Amino acid sequence: MTRSWSGSRWASVANRPEQPIDPATGKWQCRWIAWVGGGAITVEGPFFDTKDSVMAITGGTGHYSNVRGTMQLHALSATEFRFTYSIKP
């Protein structure tokens, strides 16, 4: 199953840079939690300020318990991104 959401469709998204890989060039290691209808999805992986990246779905809660897959983060601009989740139950 693949789902794509923009930031405005999320109930809430928490993003916390875990480790700066190279902040001067916009490279970070991040962990994200997205609260969506019926639970939450967690992802972890590289984040780039101005380019695309792919993160691992590491789990979830509620309807998303034990999910796996990937989240593609597409940089639309320096401040806007498209999140595309490819979920494996």
PDB file of N, CA and C in Angstrom:
ATOM      1  N   MET A   1       0.848  -1.152   0.000  1.00  0.00           N
ATOM      2  CA  MET A   1       0.000   0.000   0.000  1.00  0.00           C
ATOM      3  C   MET A   1       0.905   1.230   0.000  1.00  0.00           C
ATOM      4  N   THR A   2       0.610   2.193  -0.844  1.00  0.00           N
ATOM      5  CA  THR A   2       1.357   3.449  -0.866  1.00  0.00           C
ATOM      6  C   THR A   2       0.402   4.582  -0.564  1.00  0.00           C
ATOM      7  N   ARG A   3       0.804   5.448   0.353  1.00  0.00           N
ATOM      8  CA  ARG A   3      -0.011   6.613   0.696  1.00  0.00           C
ATOM      9  C   ARG A   3       0.855   7.844   0.587  1.00  0.00           C
ATOM     10  N   SER A   4       0.267   8.911   0.098  1.00  0.00           N
ATOM     11  CA  SER A   4       0.995  10.167  -0.024  1.00  0.00           C
ATOM     12  C   SER A   4       0.208  11.253   0.681  1.00  0.00           C
ATOM     13  N   TRP A   5       0.880  11.985   1.544  1.00  0.00           N
ATOM     14  CA  TRP A   5       0.240  13.074   2.269  1.00  0.00           C
ATOM     15  C   TRP A   5       1.105  14.318   2.157  1.00  0.00           C
ATOM     16  N   SER A   6       0.455  15.460   2.171  1.00  0.00           N
ATOM     17  CA  SER A   6       1.191  16.713   2.301  1.00  0.00           C
ATOM     18  C   SER A   6       1.108  17.133   3.753  1.00  0.00           C
ATOM     19  N   GLY A   7       1.947  18.066   4.164  1.00  0.00           N
ATOM     20  CA  GLY A   7       1.977  18.498   5.550  1.00  0.00           C
ATOM     21  C   GLY A   7       0.627  18.955   6.061  1.00  0.00           C
ATOM     22  N   SER A   8      -0.218  19.535   5.226  1.00  0.00           N
ATOM     23  CA  SER A   8      -1.498  20.065   5.682  1.00  0.00           C
ATOM     24  C   SER A   8      -2.504  18.966   6.007  1.00  0.00           C
ATOM     25  N   ARG A   9      -2.277  17.749   5.560  1.00  0.00           N
ATOM     26  CA  ARG A   9      -3.244  16.669   5.811  1.00  0.00           C
ATOM     27  C   ARG A   9      -2.911  15.865   7.058  1.00  0.00           C
ATOM     28  N   TRP A  10      -1.805  16.148   7.720  1.00  0.00           N
ATOM     29  CA  TRP A  10      -1.425  15.420   8.921  1.00  0.00           C
ATOM     30  C   TRP A  10      -2.159  15.992  10.118  1.00  0.00           C
ATOM     31  N   ALA A  11      -2.557  15.120  11.016  1.00  0.00           N
ATOM     32  CA  ALA A  11      -3.085  15.592  12.294  1.00  0.00           C
ATOM     33  C   ALA A  11      -1.945  16.236  13.074  1.00  0.00           C
ATOM     34  N   SER A  12      -0.789  15.633  13.043  1.00  0.00           N
ATOM     35  CA  SER A  12       0.377  16.171  13.731  1.00  0.00           C
ATOM     36  C   SER A  12       1.596  15.408  13.262  1.00  0.00           C
ATOM     37  N   VAL A  13       2.693  16.099  13.090  1.00  0.00           N
ATOM     38  CA  VAL A  13       3.953  15.466  12.715  1.00  0.00           C
ATOM     39  C   VAL A  13       5.025  15.984  13.647  1.00  0.00           C
ATOM     40  N   ALA A  14       5.783  15.091  14.244  1.00  0.00           N
ATOM     41  CA  ALA A  14       6.887  15.491  15.113  1.00  0.00           C
ATOM     42  C   ALA A  14       8.190  15.123  14.421  1.00  0.00           C
ATOM     43  N   ASN A  15       9.076  16.070  14.270  1.00  0.00           N
ATOM     44  CA  ASN A  15      10.373  15.845  13.644  1.00  0.00           C
ATOM     45  C   ASN A  15      11.436  16.318  14.616  1.00  0.00           C
ATOM     46  N   ARG A  16      12.387  15.459  14.894  1.00  0.00           N
ATOM     47  CA  ARG A  16      13.440  15.831  15.828  1.00  0.00           C
ATOM     48  C   ARG A  16      14.772  15.367  15.260  1.00  0.00           C
ATOM     49  N   PRO A  17      15.658  16.304  14.878  1.00  0.00           N
ATOM     50  CA  PRO A  17      16.973  15.868  14.420  1.00  0.00           C
ATOM     51  C   PRO A  17      17.694  15.115  15.531  1.00  0.00           C
ATOM     52  N   GLU A  18      18.093  13.906  15.254  1.00  0.00           N
ATOM     53  CA  GLU A  18      18.800  13.105  16.244  1.00  0.00           C
ATOM     54  C   GLU A  18      20.280  13.450  16.270  1.00  0.00           C
ATOM     55  N   GLN A  19      20.890  13.461  15.100  1.00  0.00           N
ATOM     56  CA  GLN A  19      22.318  13.715  15.013  1.00  0.00           C
ATOM     57  C   GLN A  19      22.584  14.580  13.802  1.00  0.00           C
ATOM     58  N   PRO A  20      23.306  15.665  13.986  1.00  0.00           N
ATOM     59  CA  PRO A  20      23.715  16.409  12.795  1.00  0.00           C
ATOM     60  C   PRO A  20      24.823  15.635  12.089  1.00  0.00           C
ATOM     61  N   ILE A  21      24.584  15.270  10.851  1.00  0.00           N
ATOM     62  CA  ILE A  21      25.632  14.623  10.064  1.00  0.00           C
ATOM     63  C   ILE A  21      26.561  15.708   9.544  1.00  0.00           C
ATOM     64  N   ASP A  22      25.978  16.748   8.958  1.00  0.00           N
ATOM     65  CA  ASP A  22      26.732  17.905   8.483  1.00  0.00           C
ATOM     66  C   ASP A  22      25.763  19.073   8.327  1.00  0.00           C
ATOM     67  N   PRO A  23      25.428  19.760   9.435  1.00  0.00           N
ATOM     68  CA  PRO A  23      24.433  20.828   9.373  1.00  0.00           C
ATOM     69  C   PRO A  23      24.793  21.951   8.406  1.00  0.00           C
ATOM     70  N   ALA A  24      26.050  22.182   8.191  1.00  0.00           N
ATOM     71  CA  ALA A  24      26.460  23.252   7.269  1.00  0.00           C
ATOM     72  C   ALA A  24      25.982  22.969   5.855  1.00  0.00           C
ATOM     73  N   THR A  25      25.839  21.693   5.500  1.00  0.00           N
ATOM     74  CA  THR A  25      25.365  21.328   4.164  1.00  0.00           C
ATOM     75  C   THR A  25      23.941  20.777   4.185  1.00  0.00           C
ATOM     76  N   GLY A  26      23.270  20.841   5.339  1.00  0.00           N
ATOM     77  CA  GLY A  26      21.874  20.428   5.419  1.00  0.00           C
ATOM     78  C   GLY A  26      21.640  18.944   5.513  1.00  0.00           C
ATOM     79  N   LYS A  27      22.557  18.188   6.127  1.00  0.00           N
ATOM     80  CA  LYS A  27      22.402  16.736   6.278  1.00  0.00           C
ATOM     81  C   LYS A  27      22.159  16.415   7.742  1.00  0.00           C
ATOM     82  N   TRP A  28      21.072  15.646   8.008  1.00  0.00           N
ATOM     83  CA  TRP A  28      20.679  15.291   9.364  1.00  0.00           C
ATOM     84  C   TRP A  28      20.253  13.832   9.428  1.00  0.00           C
ATOM     85  N   GLN A  29      20.363  13.231  10.600  1.00  0.00           N
ATOM     86  CA  GLN A  29      19.784  11.925  10.884  1.00  0.00           C
ATOM     87  C   GLN A  29      18.568  12.202  11.753  1.00  0.00           C
ATOM     88  N   CYS A  30      17.368  11.817  11.297  1.00  0.00           N
ATOM     89  CA  CYS A  30      16.131  12.187  11.998  1.00  0.00           C
ATOM     90  C   CYS A  30      15.263  10.995  12.341  1.00  0.00           C
ATOM     91  N   ARG A  31      14.405  11.217  13.329  1.00  0.00           N
ATOM     92  CA  ARG A  31      13.345  10.277  13.702  1.00  0.00           C
ATOM     93  C   ARG A  31      12.047  11.063  13.646  1.00  0.00           C
ATOM     94  N   TRP A  32      11.026  10.545  12.972  1.00  0.00           N
ATOM     95  CA  TRP A  32       9.744  11.240  12.815  1.00  0.00           C
ATOM     96  C   TRP A  32       8.609  10.377  13.323  1.00  0.00           C
ATOM     97  N   ILE A  33       7.613  11.025  13.859  1.00  0.00           N
ATOM     98  CA  ILE A  33       6.375  10.362  14.252  1.00  0.00           C
ATOM     99  C   ILE A  33       5.237  11.113  13.576  1.00  0.00           C
ATOM    100  N   ALA A  34       4.390  10.383  12.885  1.00  0.00           N
ATOM    101  CA  ALA A  34       3.218  10.986  12.240  1.00  0.00           C
ATOM    102  C   ALA A  34       1.976  10.368  12.860  1.00  0.00           C
ATOM    103  N   TRP A  35       1.117  11.212  13.443  1.00  0.00           N
ATOM    104  CA  TRP A  35      -0.138  10.745  14.009  1.00  0.00           C
ATOM    105  C   TRP A  35      -1.205  10.871  12.934  1.00  0.00           C
ATOM    106  N   VAL A  36      -1.733   9.744  12.509  1.00  0.00           N
ATOM    107  CA  VAL A  36      -2.772   9.718  11.486  1.00  0.00           C
ATOM    108  C   VAL A  36      -3.978   8.979  12.059  1.00  0.00           C
ATOM    109  N   GLY A  37      -5.103   9.037  11.380  1.00  0.00           N
ATOM    110  CA  GLY A  37      -6.303   8.375  11.875  1.00  0.00           C
ATOM    111  C   GLY A  37      -6.050   6.935  12.254  1.00  0.00           C
ATOM    112  N   GLY A  38      -6.285   6.591  13.496  1.00  0.00           N
ATOM    113  CA  GLY A  38      -6.155   5.211  13.931  1.00  0.00           C
ATOM    114  C   GLY A  38      -4.805   4.826  14.490  1.00  0.00           C
ATOM    115  N   GLY A  39      -3.868   5.762  14.620  1.00  0.00           N
ATOM    116  CA  GLY A  39      -2.575   5.408  15.200  1.00  0.00           C
ATOM    117  C   GLY A  39      -1.471   6.348  14.777  1.00  0.00           C
ATOM    118  N   ALA A  40      -0.254   5.848  14.882  1.00  0.00           N
ATOM    119  CA  ALA A  40       0.927   6.636  14.534  1.00  0.00           C
ATOM    120  C   ALA A  40       1.892   5.773  13.734  1.00  0.00           C
ATOM    121  N   ILE A  41       2.710   6.423  12.915  1.00  0.00           N
ATOM    122  CA  ILE A  41       3.742   5.753  12.121  1.00  0.00           C
ATOM    123  C   ILE A  41       5.070   6.408  12.473  1.00  0.00           C
ATOM    124  N   THR A  42       6.090   5.590  12.747  1.00  0.00           N
ATOM    125  CA  THR A  42       7.410   6.121  13.045  1.00  0.00           C
ATOM    126  C   THR A  42       8.365   5.819  11.896  1.00  0.00           C
ATOM    127  N   VAL A  43       9.239   6.782  11.610  1.00  0.00           N
ATOM    128  CA  VAL A  43      10.251   6.610  10.566  1.00  0.00           C
ATOM    129  C   VAL A  43      11.589   7.128  11.086  1.00  0.00           C
ATOM    130  N   GLU A  44      12.653   6.631  10.488  1.00  0.00           N
ATOM    131  CA  GLU A  44      13.983   7.091  10.856  1.00  0.00           C
ATOM    132  C   GLU A  44      14.889   7.009   9.642  1.00  0.00           C
ATOM    133  N   GLY A  45      15.777   8.012   9.503  1.00  0.00           N
ATOM    134  CA  GLY A  45      16.728   7.998   8.404  1.00  0.00           C
ATOM    135  C   GLY A  45      17.289   9.370   8.108  1.00  0.00           C
ATOM    136  N   PRO A  46      17.931   9.506   6.958  1.00  0.00           N
ATOM    137  CA  PRO A  46      18.578  10.766   6.617  1.00  0.00           C
ATOM    138  C   PRO A  46      17.570  11.826   6.186  1.00  0.00           C
ATOM    139  N   PHE A  47      17.852  13.047   6.538  1.00  0.00           N
ATOM    140  CA  PHE A  47      17.058  14.196   6.115  1.00  0.00           C
ATOM    141  C   PHE A  47      18.010  15.214   5.507  1.00  0.00           C
ATOM    142  N   PHE A  48      17.635  15.732   4.345  1.00  0.00           N
ATOM    143  CA  PHE A  48      18.421  16.747   3.665  1.00  0.00           C
ATOM    144  C   PHE A  48      17.565  18.001   3.533  1.00  0.00           C
ATOM    145  N   ASP A  49      18.124  19.151   3.834  1.00  0.00           N
ATOM    146  CA  ASP A  49      17.360  20.397   3.805  1.00  0.00           C
ATOM    147  C   ASP A  49      16.724  20.699   2.453  1.00  0.00           C
ATOM    148  N   THR A  50      17.397  20.347   1.356  1.00  0.00           N
ATOM    149  CA  THR A  50      16.899  20.761   0.036  1.00  0.00           C
ATOM    150  C   THR A  50      16.880  19.658  -1.008  1.00  0.00           C
ATOM    151  N   LYS A  51      16.991  18.403  -0.609  1.00  0.00           N
ATOM    152  CA  LYS A  51      16.894  17.342  -1.611  1.00  0.00           C
ATOM    153  C   LYS A  51      16.133  16.157  -1.042  1.00  0.00           C
ATOM    154  N   ASP A  52      15.762  15.226  -1.898  1.00  0.00           N
ATOM    155  CA  ASP A  52      14.951  14.070  -1.532  1.00  0.00           C
ATOM    156  C   ASP A  52      15.742  13.069  -0.701  1.00  0.00           C
ATOM    157  N   SER A  53      14.997  12.288   0.099  1.00  0.00           N
ATOM    158  CA  SER A  53      15.614  11.210   0.850  1.00  0.00           C
ATOM    159  C   SER A  53      14.590  10.095   1.053  1.00  0.00           C
ATOM    160  N   VAL A  54      15.064   8.944   1.485  1.00  0.00           N
ATOM    161  CA  VAL A  54      14.205   7.797   1.793  1.00  0.00           C
ATOM    162  C   VAL A  54      14.531   7.368   3.217  1.00  0.00           C
ATOM    163  N   MET A  55      13.476   7.216   4.028  1.00  0.00           N
ATOM    164  CA  MET A  55      13.632   6.795   5.414  1.00  0.00           C
ATOM    165  C   MET A  55      12.934   5.458   5.619  1.00  0.00           C
ATOM    166  N   ALA A  56      13.376   4.721   6.624  1.00  0.00           N
ATOM    167  CA  ALA A  56      12.766   3.436   6.966  1.00  0.00           C
ATOM    168  C   ALA A  56      11.575   3.648   7.890  1.00  0.00           C
ATOM    169  N   ILE A  57      10.459   2.969   7.614  1.00  0.00           N
ATOM    170  CA  ILE A  57       9.354   2.917   8.562  1.00  0.00           C
ATOM    171  C   ILE A  57       9.755   1.875   9.594  1.00  0.00           C
ATOM    172  N   THR A  58       9.824   2.307  10.852  1.00  0.00           N
ATOM    173  CA  THR A  58      10.338   1.430  11.902  1.00  0.00           C
ATOM    174  C   THR A  58       9.242   0.842  12.778  1.00  0.00           C
ATOM    175  N   GLY A  59       7.992   1.239  12.569  1.00  0.00           N
ATOM    176  CA  GLY A  59       6.893   0.677  13.342  1.00  0.00           C
ATOM    177  C   GLY A  59       5.742   1.639  13.454  1.00  0.00           C
ATOM    178  N   GLY A  60       4.833   1.329  14.360  1.00  0.00           N
ATOM    179  CA  GLY A  60       3.687   2.185  14.543  1.00  0.00           C
ATOM    180  C   GLY A  60       2.815   1.709  15.682  1.00  0.00           C
ATOM    181  N   THR A  61       1.679   2.405  15.853  1.00  0.00           N
ATOM    182  CA  THR A  61       0.724   2.053  16.894  1.00  0.00           C
ATOM    183  C   THR A  61      -0.666   1.952  16.283  1.00  0.00           C
ATOM    184  N   GLY A  62      -1.605   1.371  17.041  1.00  0.00           N
ATOM    185  CA  GLY A  62      -2.979   1.271  16.570  1.00  0.00           C
ATOM    186  C   GLY A  62      -3.074   0.486  15.272  1.00  0.00           C
ATOM    187  N   HIS A  63      -3.743   1.068  14.263  1.00  0.00           N
ATOM    188  CA  HIS A  63      -3.895   0.411  12.959  1.00  0.00           C
ATOM    189  C   HIS A  63      -2.546   0.155  12.287  1.00  0.00           C
ATOM    190  N   TYR A  64      -1.512   0.841  12.721  1.00  0.00           N
ATOM    191  CA  TYR A  64      -0.204   0.745  12.085  1.00  0.00           C
ATOM    192  C   TYR A  64       0.792  -0.067  12.900  1.00  0.00           C
ATOM    193  N   SER A  65       0.291  -0.852  13.865  1.00  0.00           N
ATOM    194  CA  SER A  65       1.173  -1.709  14.662  1.00  0.00           C
ATOM    195  C   SER A  65       1.936  -2.657  13.751  1.00  0.00           C
ATOM    196  N   ASN A  66       3.207  -2.746  13.979  1.00  0.00           N
ATOM    197  CA  ASN A  66       4.088  -3.691  13.267  1.00  0.00           C
ATOM    198  C   ASN A  66       4.240  -3.419  11.780  1.00  0.00           C
ATOM    199  N   VAL A  67       3.864  -2.233  11.277  1.00  0.00           N
ATOM    200  CA  VAL A  67       4.068  -1.958   9.855  1.00  0.00           C
ATOM    201  C   VAL A  67       5.551  -1.757   9.575  1.00  0.00           C
ATOM    202  N   ARG A  68       5.915  -1.978   8.337  1.00  0.00           N
ATOM    203  CA  ARG A  68       7.275  -1.745   7.846  1.00  0.00           C
ATOM    204  C   ARG A  68       7.140  -1.125   6.474  1.00  0.00           C
ATOM    205  N   GLY A  69       8.247  -0.641   5.944  1.00  0.00           N
ATOM    206  CA  GLY A  69       8.243  -0.066   4.617  1.00  0.00           C
ATOM    207  C   GLY A  69       9.184   1.121   4.547  1.00  0.00           C
ATOM    208  N   THR A  70       8.879   2.049   3.650  1.00  0.00           N
ATOM    209  CA  THR A  70       9.719   3.226   3.475  1.00  0.00           C
ATOM    210  C   THR A  70       8.865   4.483   3.366  1.00  0.00           C
ATOM    211  N   MET A  71       9.482   5.606   3.651  1.00  0.00           N
ATOM    212  CA  MET A  71       8.862   6.897   3.437  1.00  0.00           C
ATOM    213  C   MET A  71       9.800   7.703   2.554  1.00  0.00           C
ATOM    214  N   GLN A  72       9.296   8.110   1.397  1.00  0.00           N
ATOM    215  CA  GLN A  72      10.073   8.983   0.525  1.00  0.00           C
ATOM    216  C   GLN A  72       9.718  10.419   0.879  1.00  0.00           C
ATOM    217  N   LEU A  73      10.728  11.220   1.089  1.00  0.00           N
ATOM    218  CA  LEU A  73      10.554  12.624   1.409  1.00  0.00           C
ATOM    219  C   LEU A  73      11.030  13.417   0.207  1.00  0.00           C
ATOM    220  N   HIS A  74      10.084  14.075  -0.472  1.00  0.00           N
ATOM    221  CA  HIS A  74      10.393  14.831  -1.679  1.00  0.00           C
ATOM    222  C   HIS A  74      10.411  16.318  -1.342  1.00  0.00           C
ATOM    223  N   ALA A  75      11.548  16.961  -1.568  1.00  0.00           N
ATOM    224  CA  ALA A  75      11.689  18.391  -1.292  1.00  0.00           C
ATOM    225  C   ALA A  75      11.027  19.198  -2.403  1.00  0.00           C
ATOM    226  N   LEU A  76       9.924  19.877  -2.055  1.00  0.00           N
ATOM    227  CA  LEU A  76       9.252  20.758  -3.015  1.00  0.00           C
ATOM    228  C   LEU A  76       9.918  22.132  -3.027  1.00  0.00           C
ATOM    229  N   SER A  77      10.465  22.522  -1.881  1.00  0.00           N
ATOM    230  CA  SER A  77      11.224  23.764  -1.729  1.00  0.00           C
ATOM    231  C   SER A  77      12.047  23.603  -0.452  1.00  0.00           C
ATOM    232  N   ALA A  78      12.679  24.665  -0.001  1.00  0.00           N
ATOM    233  CA  ALA A  78      13.474  24.589   1.224  1.00  0.00           C
ATOM    234  C   ALA A  78      12.600  24.427   2.469  1.00  0.00           C
ATOM    235  N   THR A  79      11.302  24.697   2.356  1.00  0.00           N
ATOM    236  CA  THR A  79      10.416  24.623   3.524  1.00  0.00           C
ATOM    237  C   THR A  79       9.195  23.728   3.323  1.00  0.00           C
ATOM    238  N   GLU A  80       9.008  23.152   2.128  1.00  0.00           N
ATOM    239  CA  GLU A  80       7.849  22.306   1.846  1.00  0.00           C
ATOM    240  C   GLU A  80       8.308  20.954   1.324  1.00  0.00           C
ATOM    241  N   PHE A  81       7.644  19.894   1.827  1.00  0.00           N
ATOM    242  CA  PHE A  81       8.010  18.530   1.465  1.00  0.00           C
ATOM    243  C   PHE A  81       6.764  17.702   1.220  1.00  0.00           C
ATOM    244  N   ARG A  82       6.891  16.674   0.379  1.00  0.00           N
ATOM    245  CA  ARG A  82       5.836  15.685   0.184  1.00  0.00           C
ATOM    246  C   ARG A  82       6.308  14.386   0.817  1.00  0.00           C
ATOM    247  N   PHE A  83       5.457  13.801   1.661  1.00  0.00           N
ATOM    248  CA  PHE A  83       5.748  12.543   2.327  1.00  0.00           C
ATOM    249  C   PHE A  83       4.982  11.437   1.608  1.00  0.00           C
ATOM    250  N   THR A  84       5.671  10.407   1.121  1.00  0.00           N
ATOM    251  CA  THR A  84       5.016   9.274   0.486  1.00  0.00           C
ATOM    252  C   THR A  84       5.414   8.009   1.228  1.00  0.00           C
ATOM    253  N   TYR A  85       4.418   7.372   1.850  1.00  0.00           N
ATOM    254  CA  TYR A  85       4.640   6.167   2.624  1.00  0.00           C
ATOM    255  C   TYR A  85       4.308   4.944   1.788  1.00  0.00           C
ATOM    256  N   SER A  86       5.237   4.009   1.711  1.00  0.00           N
ATOM    257  CA  SER A  86       4.996   2.689   1.111  1.00  0.00           C
ATOM    258  C   SER A  86       4.973   1.707   2.270  1.00  0.00           C
ATOM    259  N   ILE A  87       3.748   1.282   2.649  1.00  0.00           N
ATOM    260  CA  ILE A  87       3.540   0.525   3.878  1.00  0.00           C
ATOM    261  C   ILE A  87       3.350  -0.957   3.567  1.00  0.00           C
ATOM    262  N   LYS A  88       4.092  -1.787   4.324  1.00  0.00           N
ATOM    263  CA  LYS A  88       3.906  -3.230   4.268  1.00  0.00           C
ATOM    264  C   LYS A  88       3.323  -3.650   5.602  1.00  0.00           C
ATOM    265  N   PRO A  89       2.128  -4.252   5.594  1.00  0.00           N
ATOM    266  CA  PRO A  89       1.501  -4.647   6.875  1.00  0.00           C
ATOM    267  C   PRO A  89       2.295  -5.718   7.608  1.00  0.00           C
TER     268      PRO A  89
END
